[in-house]
């Protein structure tokens, strides 16, 4: 899986904007092992609405296959303006900060990946308070850079 890409950085663009840990850091290894134990498979068929505007998310999705469209409703008609492929983390900012969604997310093709429930995610952050603040900051930065900014 490629979950650490957006959480901790894997290319120069991300490294310049967020803090991250490496596999050589014991706290990171422990955190990731705990996270992997909590993941559940997540699938949706093409055309399914993953989340709608102003929804209170209860899960974080680590998107591994398929295409997801991001958009909004205008006069009850959907307008999609951003398409993301594998490697996207959906709901990290919303679950971590307990804020409602701003956009509608629709599966353009079959979605496959993994998810962690919000309650389990928040408990994980409590257990790893050393990295929790960094995780919160990274989730917010990545959401605004990769999703909110381009959609708006």
N, C-alpha and C. Protein backbone atom coordinates (compact mmCIF):
# COMPACT_ATOMS: atom_id res chain seq x y z
N UNK A 1 0.83 -1.20 0.00
CA UNK A 1 0.00 0.00 0.00
C UNK A 1 0.87 1.25 0.00
N UNK A 2 0.26 2.35 -0.41
CA UNK A 2 1.00 3.59 -0.56
C UNK A 2 0.45 4.66 0.37
N UNK A 3 -0.01 4.27 1.56
CA UNK A 3 -0.64 5.22 2.47
C UNK A 3 0.32 6.28 2.97
N UNK A 4 1.57 5.93 3.18
CA UNK A 4 2.49 6.89 3.77
C UNK A 4 2.81 8.03 2.82
N UNK A 5 2.52 7.89 1.54
CA UNK A 5 2.82 8.94 0.58
C UNK A 5 2.23 10.27 1.01
N UNK A 6 0.95 10.30 1.30
CA UNK A 6 0.34 11.57 1.63
C UNK A 6 0.41 11.89 3.12
N UNK A 7 0.61 10.92 3.94
CA UNK A 7 0.73 11.19 5.36
C UNK A 7 2.10 11.75 5.70
N UNK A 8 3.13 11.22 5.08
CA UNK A 8 4.48 11.56 5.49
C UNK A 8 5.37 12.03 4.36
N UNK A 9 4.94 11.95 3.14
CA UNK A 9 5.73 12.46 2.03
C UNK A 9 6.54 11.39 1.35
N UNK A 10 6.55 11.43 0.01
CA UNK A 10 7.39 10.51 -0.73
C UNK A 10 8.04 11.18 -1.92
N UNK A 11 7.67 12.41 -2.23
CA UNK A 11 8.32 13.10 -3.33
C UNK A 11 8.68 14.51 -2.88
N UNK A 12 9.48 15.19 -3.67
CA UNK A 12 9.98 16.50 -3.27
C UNK A 12 8.87 17.52 -3.03
N UNK A 13 7.81 17.47 -3.84
CA UNK A 13 6.72 18.42 -3.67
C UNK A 13 6.09 18.30 -2.29
N UNK A 14 5.83 17.09 -1.86
CA UNK A 14 5.22 16.88 -0.56
C UNK A 14 6.21 17.20 0.55
N UNK A 15 7.45 16.77 0.40
CA UNK A 15 8.46 17.01 1.44
C UNK A 15 8.65 18.48 1.72
N UNK A 16 8.49 19.31 0.71
CA UNK A 16 8.66 20.75 0.90
C UNK A 16 7.51 21.37 1.69
N UNK A 17 6.40 20.67 1.83
CA UNK A 17 5.22 21.25 2.43
C UNK A 17 4.76 20.61 3.73
N UNK A 18 5.22 19.42 4.03
CA UNK A 18 4.78 18.74 5.24
C UNK A 18 5.96 18.09 5.95
N UNK A 19 5.78 17.88 7.25
CA UNK A 19 6.77 17.14 8.02
C UNK A 19 6.47 15.66 7.87
N UNK A 20 7.48 14.84 8.01
CA UNK A 20 7.23 13.42 7.90
C UNK A 20 8.27 12.63 8.68
N UNK A 21 7.92 11.38 8.94
CA UNK A 21 8.83 10.43 9.57
C UNK A 21 9.30 9.45 8.51
N UNK A 22 10.32 8.68 8.84
CA UNK A 22 10.85 7.65 7.96
C UNK A 22 10.70 6.29 8.63
N UNK A 23 10.83 5.22 7.84
CA UNK A 23 10.74 3.87 8.39
C UNK A 23 11.82 3.61 9.42
N UNK A 24 12.87 4.36 9.42
CA UNK A 24 13.93 4.16 10.42
C UNK A 24 13.54 4.72 11.79
N UNK A 25 12.49 5.50 11.86
CA UNK A 25 12.00 6.06 13.12
C UNK A 25 11.09 5.03 13.80
N UNK A 26 11.44 4.64 15.01
CA UNK A 26 10.66 3.62 15.72
C UNK A 26 9.20 4.04 15.91
N UNK A 27 8.96 5.29 16.24
CA UNK A 27 7.59 5.75 16.47
C UNK A 27 6.75 5.59 15.20
N UNK A 28 7.35 5.85 14.06
CA UNK A 28 6.66 5.70 12.78
C UNK A 28 6.33 4.24 12.52
N UNK A 29 7.30 3.36 12.73
CA UNK A 29 7.06 1.93 12.52
C UNK A 29 5.94 1.43 13.43
N UNK A 30 5.97 1.83 14.69
CA UNK A 30 4.93 1.40 15.62
C UNK A 30 3.56 1.94 15.21
N UNK A 31 3.52 3.21 14.82
CA UNK A 31 2.27 3.82 14.37
C UNK A 31 1.71 3.09 13.15
N UNK A 32 2.57 2.86 12.16
CA UNK A 32 2.10 2.21 10.93
C UNK A 32 1.65 0.78 11.17
N UNK A 33 2.33 0.06 12.03
CA UNK A 33 1.91 -1.31 12.35
C UNK A 33 0.54 -1.30 13.03
N UNK A 34 0.33 -0.36 13.93
CA UNK A 34 -0.97 -0.24 14.59
C UNK A 34 -2.05 0.15 13.58
N UNK A 35 -1.72 1.06 12.68
CA UNK A 35 -2.68 1.48 11.64
C UNK A 35 -3.06 0.30 10.76
N UNK A 36 -2.08 -0.45 10.31
CA UNK A 36 -2.35 -1.59 9.43
C UNK A 36 -3.28 -2.61 10.08
N UNK A 37 -3.14 -2.79 11.39
CA UNK A 37 -4.00 -3.74 12.10
C UNK A 37 -5.46 -3.28 12.15
N UNK A 38 -5.70 -1.98 11.98
CA UNK A 38 -7.05 -1.43 12.09
C UNK A 38 -7.76 -1.25 10.74
N UNK A 39 -7.04 -1.46 9.65
CA UNK A 39 -7.62 -1.24 8.33
C UNK A 39 -8.63 -2.32 7.96
N UNK A 40 -9.66 -1.90 7.23
CA UNK A 40 -10.69 -2.80 6.72
C UNK A 40 -10.79 -2.58 5.21
N UNK A 41 -11.11 -3.63 4.44
CA UNK A 41 -11.29 -3.44 3.00
C UNK A 41 -12.46 -2.48 2.72
N UNK A 42 -12.34 -1.69 1.64
CA UNK A 42 -13.41 -0.75 1.27
C UNK A 42 -13.56 -0.80 -0.24
N UNK A 43 -14.78 -1.02 -0.71
CA UNK A 43 -15.07 -1.06 -2.15
C UNK A 43 -16.37 -0.33 -2.42
N UNK A 44 -16.44 0.29 -3.58
CA UNK A 44 -17.67 0.91 -4.07
C UNK A 44 -17.71 0.73 -5.57
N UNK A 45 -18.91 0.61 -6.10
CA UNK A 45 -19.08 0.45 -7.54
C UNK A 45 -19.05 1.81 -8.24
N UNK A 46 -18.77 1.79 -9.53
CA UNK A 46 -18.79 3.01 -10.34
C UNK A 46 -20.16 3.67 -10.22
N UNK A 47 -20.18 4.98 -10.10
CA UNK A 47 -21.42 5.73 -9.98
C UNK A 47 -21.88 5.99 -8.56
N UNK A 48 -21.30 5.29 -7.60
CA UNK A 48 -21.71 5.46 -6.20
C UNK A 48 -21.23 6.82 -5.67
N UNK A 49 -22.08 7.46 -4.88
CA UNK A 49 -21.69 8.68 -4.19
C UNK A 49 -21.01 8.26 -2.89
N UNK A 50 -19.71 8.56 -2.78
CA UNK A 50 -18.97 8.22 -1.57
C UNK A 50 -19.42 9.09 -0.41
N UNK A 51 -19.39 10.40 -0.63
CA UNK A 51 -19.78 11.36 0.39
C UNK A 51 -20.45 12.53 -0.30
N UNK A 52 -21.39 13.14 0.39
CA UNK A 52 -22.06 14.31 -0.14
C UNK A 52 -21.62 15.55 0.63
N UNK A 53 -21.97 16.69 0.12
CA UNK A 53 -21.64 17.95 0.79
C UNK A 53 -22.24 17.98 2.19
N UNK A 54 -21.51 18.57 3.11
CA UNK A 54 -21.93 18.77 4.50
C UNK A 54 -22.19 17.47 5.26
N UNK A 55 -21.48 16.43 4.88
CA UNK A 55 -21.60 15.16 5.56
C UNK A 55 -20.55 15.06 6.66
N UNK A 56 -20.90 14.44 7.77
CA UNK A 56 -19.98 14.21 8.88
C UNK A 56 -19.33 12.85 8.65
N UNK A 57 -18.08 12.82 8.21
CA UNK A 57 -17.42 11.57 7.84
C UNK A 57 -17.09 10.73 9.06
N UNK A 58 -17.25 9.43 8.90
CA UNK A 58 -16.97 8.48 9.97
C UNK A 58 -15.89 7.49 9.59
N UNK A 59 -15.18 7.78 8.48
CA UNK A 59 -14.12 6.89 8.03
C UNK A 59 -13.10 7.65 7.20
N UNK A 60 -11.90 7.11 7.17
CA UNK A 60 -10.84 7.60 6.29
C UNK A 60 -10.59 6.49 5.29
N UNK A 61 -10.57 6.85 4.01
CA UNK A 61 -10.37 5.86 2.95
C UNK A 61 -8.99 6.05 2.34
N UNK A 62 -8.25 4.94 2.24
CA UNK A 62 -6.98 4.91 1.55
C UNK A 62 -7.26 4.29 0.18
N UNK A 63 -7.38 5.12 -0.81
CA UNK A 63 -7.83 4.79 -2.15
C UNK A 63 -6.70 4.13 -2.94
N UNK A 64 -6.89 2.89 -3.34
CA UNK A 64 -5.85 2.14 -4.05
C UNK A 64 -6.13 1.92 -5.53
N UNK A 65 -7.40 1.78 -5.92
CA UNK A 65 -7.75 1.56 -7.33
C UNK A 65 -9.02 2.32 -7.66
N UNK A 66 -9.10 2.78 -8.89
CA UNK A 66 -10.30 3.45 -9.36
C UNK A 66 -10.12 4.96 -9.43
N UNK A 67 -11.15 5.61 -9.95
CA UNK A 67 -11.14 7.07 -10.10
C UNK A 67 -12.26 7.67 -9.26
N UNK A 68 -11.95 8.79 -8.60
CA UNK A 68 -12.94 9.49 -7.78
C UNK A 68 -13.05 10.92 -8.29
N UNK A 69 -14.28 11.36 -8.51
CA UNK A 69 -14.55 12.73 -8.94
C UNK A 69 -14.98 13.57 -7.74
N UNK A 70 -14.44 14.79 -7.64
CA UNK A 70 -14.76 15.74 -6.59
C UNK A 70 -15.53 16.89 -7.22
N UNK A 71 -16.62 17.30 -6.58
CA UNK A 71 -17.39 18.41 -7.11
C UNK A 71 -18.37 18.93 -6.10
N UNK A 72 -19.39 19.58 -6.61
CA UNK A 72 -20.39 20.21 -5.76
C UNK A 72 -21.70 20.29 -6.52
N UNK A 73 -22.75 20.67 -5.81
CA UNK A 73 -24.07 20.80 -6.41
C UNK A 73 -24.39 22.27 -6.65
N UNK A 74 -24.91 22.56 -7.83
CA UNK A 74 -25.39 23.89 -8.17
C UNK A 74 -26.79 23.71 -8.73
N UNK A 75 -27.78 24.31 -8.09
CA UNK A 75 -29.17 24.14 -8.50
C UNK A 75 -29.53 22.66 -8.64
N UNK A 76 -29.10 21.88 -7.66
CA UNK A 76 -29.35 20.44 -7.58
C UNK A 76 -28.75 19.63 -8.73
N UNK A 77 -27.80 20.21 -9.43
CA UNK A 77 -27.07 19.49 -10.49
C UNK A 77 -25.61 19.37 -10.07
N UNK A 78 -25.08 18.17 -10.21
CA UNK A 78 -23.69 17.93 -9.82
C UNK A 78 -22.73 18.48 -10.87
N UNK A 79 -21.69 19.12 -10.38
CA UNK A 79 -20.61 19.61 -11.25
C UNK A 79 -19.31 19.08 -10.65
N UNK A 80 -18.64 18.21 -11.40
CA UNK A 80 -17.39 17.61 -10.94
C UNK A 80 -16.22 18.30 -11.63
N UNK A 81 -15.23 18.71 -10.83
CA UNK A 81 -14.14 19.52 -11.36
C UNK A 81 -12.75 18.94 -11.10
N UNK A 82 -12.66 17.86 -10.35
CA UNK A 82 -11.36 17.28 -10.03
C UNK A 82 -11.50 15.76 -10.02
N UNK A 83 -10.55 15.08 -10.64
CA UNK A 83 -10.55 13.61 -10.65
C UNK A 83 -9.24 13.14 -10.04
N UNK A 84 -9.34 12.23 -9.08
CA UNK A 84 -8.16 11.68 -8.40
C UNK A 84 -8.08 10.18 -8.68
N UNK A 85 -6.86 9.73 -8.83
CA UNK A 85 -6.63 8.30 -9.03
C UNK A 85 -6.03 7.71 -7.76
N UNK A 86 -5.50 6.52 -7.86
CA UNK A 86 -5.01 5.80 -6.67
C UNK A 86 -4.01 6.62 -5.86
N UNK A 87 -3.98 6.31 -4.58
CA UNK A 87 -3.05 6.97 -3.68
C UNK A 87 -3.66 8.11 -2.90
N UNK A 88 -4.90 8.44 -3.15
CA UNK A 88 -5.56 9.53 -2.46
C UNK A 88 -6.05 9.06 -1.09
N UNK A 89 -5.90 9.92 -0.10
CA UNK A 89 -6.45 9.65 1.22
C UNK A 89 -7.67 10.55 1.37
N UNK A 90 -8.82 9.94 1.59
CA UNK A 90 -10.07 10.68 1.65
C UNK A 90 -10.59 10.67 3.08
N UNK A 91 -10.86 11.84 3.60
CA UNK A 91 -11.45 11.96 4.92
C UNK A 91 -10.47 12.16 6.05
N UNK A 92 -9.18 12.17 5.76
CA UNK A 92 -8.18 12.34 6.82
C UNK A 92 -8.34 13.65 7.56
N UNK A 93 -8.48 14.72 6.81
CA UNK A 93 -8.66 16.04 7.42
C UNK A 93 -10.00 16.12 8.14
N UNK A 94 -11.05 15.65 7.50
CA UNK A 94 -12.39 15.76 8.07
C UNK A 94 -12.55 14.96 9.36
N UNK A 95 -12.02 13.75 9.39
CA UNK A 95 -12.12 12.94 10.61
C UNK A 95 -11.22 13.47 11.71
N UNK A 96 -10.02 13.89 11.33
CA UNK A 96 -9.07 14.37 12.33
C UNK A 96 -9.54 15.66 12.99
N UNK A 97 -10.13 16.55 12.21
CA UNK A 97 -10.57 17.85 12.72
C UNK A 97 -12.06 17.91 13.03
N UNK A 98 -12.80 16.83 12.77
CA UNK A 98 -14.25 16.77 12.97
C UNK A 98 -14.97 17.91 12.27
N UNK A 99 -14.67 18.07 10.98
CA UNK A 99 -15.37 19.06 10.15
C UNK A 99 -16.15 18.34 9.07
N UNK A 100 -17.22 18.95 8.63
CA UNK A 100 -18.07 18.35 7.59
C UNK A 100 -17.44 18.54 6.21
N UNK A 101 -17.84 17.68 5.29
CA UNK A 101 -17.31 17.76 3.94
C UNK A 101 -17.81 19.01 3.23
N UNK A 102 -17.01 19.48 2.30
CA UNK A 102 -17.38 20.64 1.49
C UNK A 102 -17.84 20.23 0.10
N UNK A 103 -17.52 19.00 -0.30
CA UNK A 103 -17.75 18.59 -1.68
C UNK A 103 -18.46 17.26 -1.76
N UNK A 104 -18.95 16.96 -2.94
CA UNK A 104 -19.52 15.66 -3.26
C UNK A 104 -18.43 14.82 -3.89
N UNK A 105 -18.32 13.56 -3.48
CA UNK A 105 -17.35 12.63 -4.04
C UNK A 105 -18.10 11.48 -4.68
N UNK A 106 -17.78 11.22 -5.94
CA UNK A 106 -18.46 10.17 -6.70
C UNK A 106 -17.42 9.26 -7.33
N UNK A 107 -17.70 7.96 -7.32
CA UNK A 107 -16.80 6.99 -7.94
C UNK A 107 -17.02 7.02 -9.45
N UNK A 108 -16.01 7.40 -10.18
CA UNK A 108 -16.08 7.37 -11.65
C UNK A 108 -15.94 5.94 -12.14
N UNK A 109 -15.13 5.17 -11.45
CA UNK A 109 -14.96 3.75 -11.74
C UNK A 109 -14.97 3.01 -10.39
N UNK A 110 -14.91 1.71 -10.45
CA UNK A 110 -14.94 0.91 -9.21
C UNK A 110 -13.79 1.34 -8.29
N UNK A 111 -14.13 1.58 -7.04
CA UNK A 111 -13.15 1.99 -6.03
C UNK A 111 -12.76 0.78 -5.20
N UNK A 112 -11.46 0.64 -4.98
CA UNK A 112 -10.95 -0.39 -4.08
C UNK A 112 -9.91 0.26 -3.19
N UNK A 113 -9.89 -0.15 -1.95
CA UNK A 113 -8.91 0.38 -1.02
C UNK A 113 -9.15 -0.15 0.37
N UNK A 114 -8.73 0.64 1.32
CA UNK A 114 -8.88 0.29 2.73
C UNK A 114 -9.43 1.49 3.48
N UNK A 115 -10.02 1.23 4.62
CA UNK A 115 -10.55 2.31 5.43
C UNK A 115 -10.28 2.04 6.90
N UNK A 116 -10.28 3.14 7.66
CA UNK A 116 -10.21 3.06 9.11
C UNK A 116 -11.36 3.90 9.64
N UNK A 117 -12.05 3.38 10.61
CA UNK A 117 -13.17 4.11 11.20
C UNK A 117 -12.65 5.30 12.01
N UNK A 118 -13.43 6.36 12.02
CA UNK A 118 -13.04 7.60 12.71
C UNK A 118 -12.68 7.33 14.17
N UNK A 119 -13.49 6.57 14.85
CA UNK A 119 -13.26 6.29 16.27
C UNK A 119 -11.91 5.61 16.48
N UNK A 120 -11.60 4.63 15.64
CA UNK A 120 -10.32 3.93 15.74
C UNK A 120 -9.16 4.87 15.40
N UNK A 121 -9.36 5.74 14.41
CA UNK A 121 -8.32 6.71 14.02
C UNK A 121 -8.01 7.67 15.17
N UNK A 122 -9.05 8.17 15.81
CA UNK A 122 -8.84 9.12 16.90
C UNK A 122 -8.15 8.44 18.09
N UNK A 123 -8.50 7.19 18.36
CA UNK A 123 -7.83 6.45 19.43
C UNK A 123 -6.36 6.22 19.08
N UNK A 124 -6.09 5.93 17.81
CA UNK A 124 -4.71 5.74 17.36
C UNK A 124 -3.90 7.02 17.56
N UNK A 125 -4.47 8.17 17.22
CA UNK A 125 -3.78 9.43 17.42
C UNK A 125 -3.53 9.70 18.91
N UNK A 126 -4.49 9.33 19.75
CA UNK A 126 -4.28 9.47 21.20
C UNK A 126 -3.14 8.59 21.69
N UNK A 127 -3.05 7.38 21.15
CA UNK A 127 -2.00 6.45 21.56
C UNK A 127 -0.61 6.91 21.10
N UNK A 128 -0.58 7.70 20.02
CA UNK A 128 0.69 8.18 19.46
C UNK A 128 0.69 9.70 19.47
N UNK A 129 0.53 10.26 20.66
CA UNK A 129 0.43 11.72 20.78
C UNK A 129 1.70 12.43 20.30
N UNK A 130 2.84 11.72 20.27
CA UNK A 130 4.08 12.33 19.77
C UNK A 130 3.95 12.77 18.31
N UNK A 131 3.20 12.00 17.54
CA UNK A 131 3.08 12.35 16.12
C UNK A 131 1.69 12.88 15.75
N UNK A 132 0.77 12.92 16.70
CA UNK A 132 -0.60 13.34 16.41
C UNK A 132 -0.68 14.76 15.85
N UNK A 133 0.05 15.69 16.44
CA UNK A 133 -0.01 17.08 15.96
C UNK A 133 0.52 17.19 14.54
N UNK A 134 1.60 16.48 14.27
CA UNK A 134 2.14 16.48 12.91
C UNK A 134 1.13 15.89 11.93
N UNK A 135 0.45 14.82 12.33
CA UNK A 135 -0.56 14.19 11.48
C UNK A 135 -1.69 15.16 11.19
N UNK A 136 -2.14 15.87 12.21
CA UNK A 136 -3.21 16.84 12.02
C UNK A 136 -2.79 17.94 11.05
N UNK A 137 -1.59 18.46 11.23
CA UNK A 137 -1.09 19.51 10.34
C UNK A 137 -0.95 19.01 8.91
N UNK A 138 -0.40 17.81 8.75
CA UNK A 138 -0.22 17.25 7.41
C UNK A 138 -1.56 16.99 6.72
N UNK A 139 -2.52 16.47 7.46
CA UNK A 139 -3.84 16.19 6.87
C UNK A 139 -4.47 17.48 6.36
N UNK A 140 -4.38 18.53 7.13
CA UNK A 140 -4.95 19.82 6.73
C UNK A 140 -4.23 20.38 5.51
N UNK A 141 -2.90 20.39 5.55
CA UNK A 141 -2.12 20.92 4.42
C UNK A 141 -2.42 20.16 3.13
N UNK A 142 -2.44 18.84 3.22
CA UNK A 142 -2.67 18.03 2.02
C UNK A 142 -4.09 18.22 1.49
N UNK A 143 -5.07 18.32 2.37
CA UNK A 143 -6.45 18.53 1.92
C UNK A 143 -6.57 19.85 1.17
N UNK A 144 -6.05 20.92 1.74
CA UNK A 144 -6.19 22.22 1.09
C UNK A 144 -5.37 22.31 -0.19
N UNK A 145 -4.23 21.65 -0.23
CA UNK A 145 -3.39 21.73 -1.43
C UNK A 145 -3.92 20.85 -2.57
N UNK A 146 -4.28 19.63 -2.26
CA UNK A 146 -4.63 18.67 -3.30
C UNK A 146 -6.12 18.61 -3.65
N UNK A 147 -6.98 19.02 -2.72
CA UNK A 147 -8.43 18.89 -2.98
C UNK A 147 -9.13 20.24 -2.93
N UNK A 148 -9.15 20.87 -1.78
CA UNK A 148 -9.92 22.11 -1.60
C UNK A 148 -9.50 23.18 -2.60
N UNK A 149 -8.22 23.46 -2.68
CA UNK A 149 -7.74 24.49 -3.60
C UNK A 149 -8.11 24.23 -5.05
N UNK A 150 -7.80 23.05 -5.59
CA UNK A 150 -8.16 22.78 -7.00
C UNK A 150 -9.66 22.76 -7.28
N UNK A 151 -10.48 22.33 -6.33
CA UNK A 151 -11.93 22.29 -6.57
C UNK A 151 -12.53 23.69 -6.53
N UNK A 152 -12.00 24.52 -5.64
CA UNK A 152 -12.55 25.88 -5.53
C UNK A 152 -12.03 26.73 -6.68
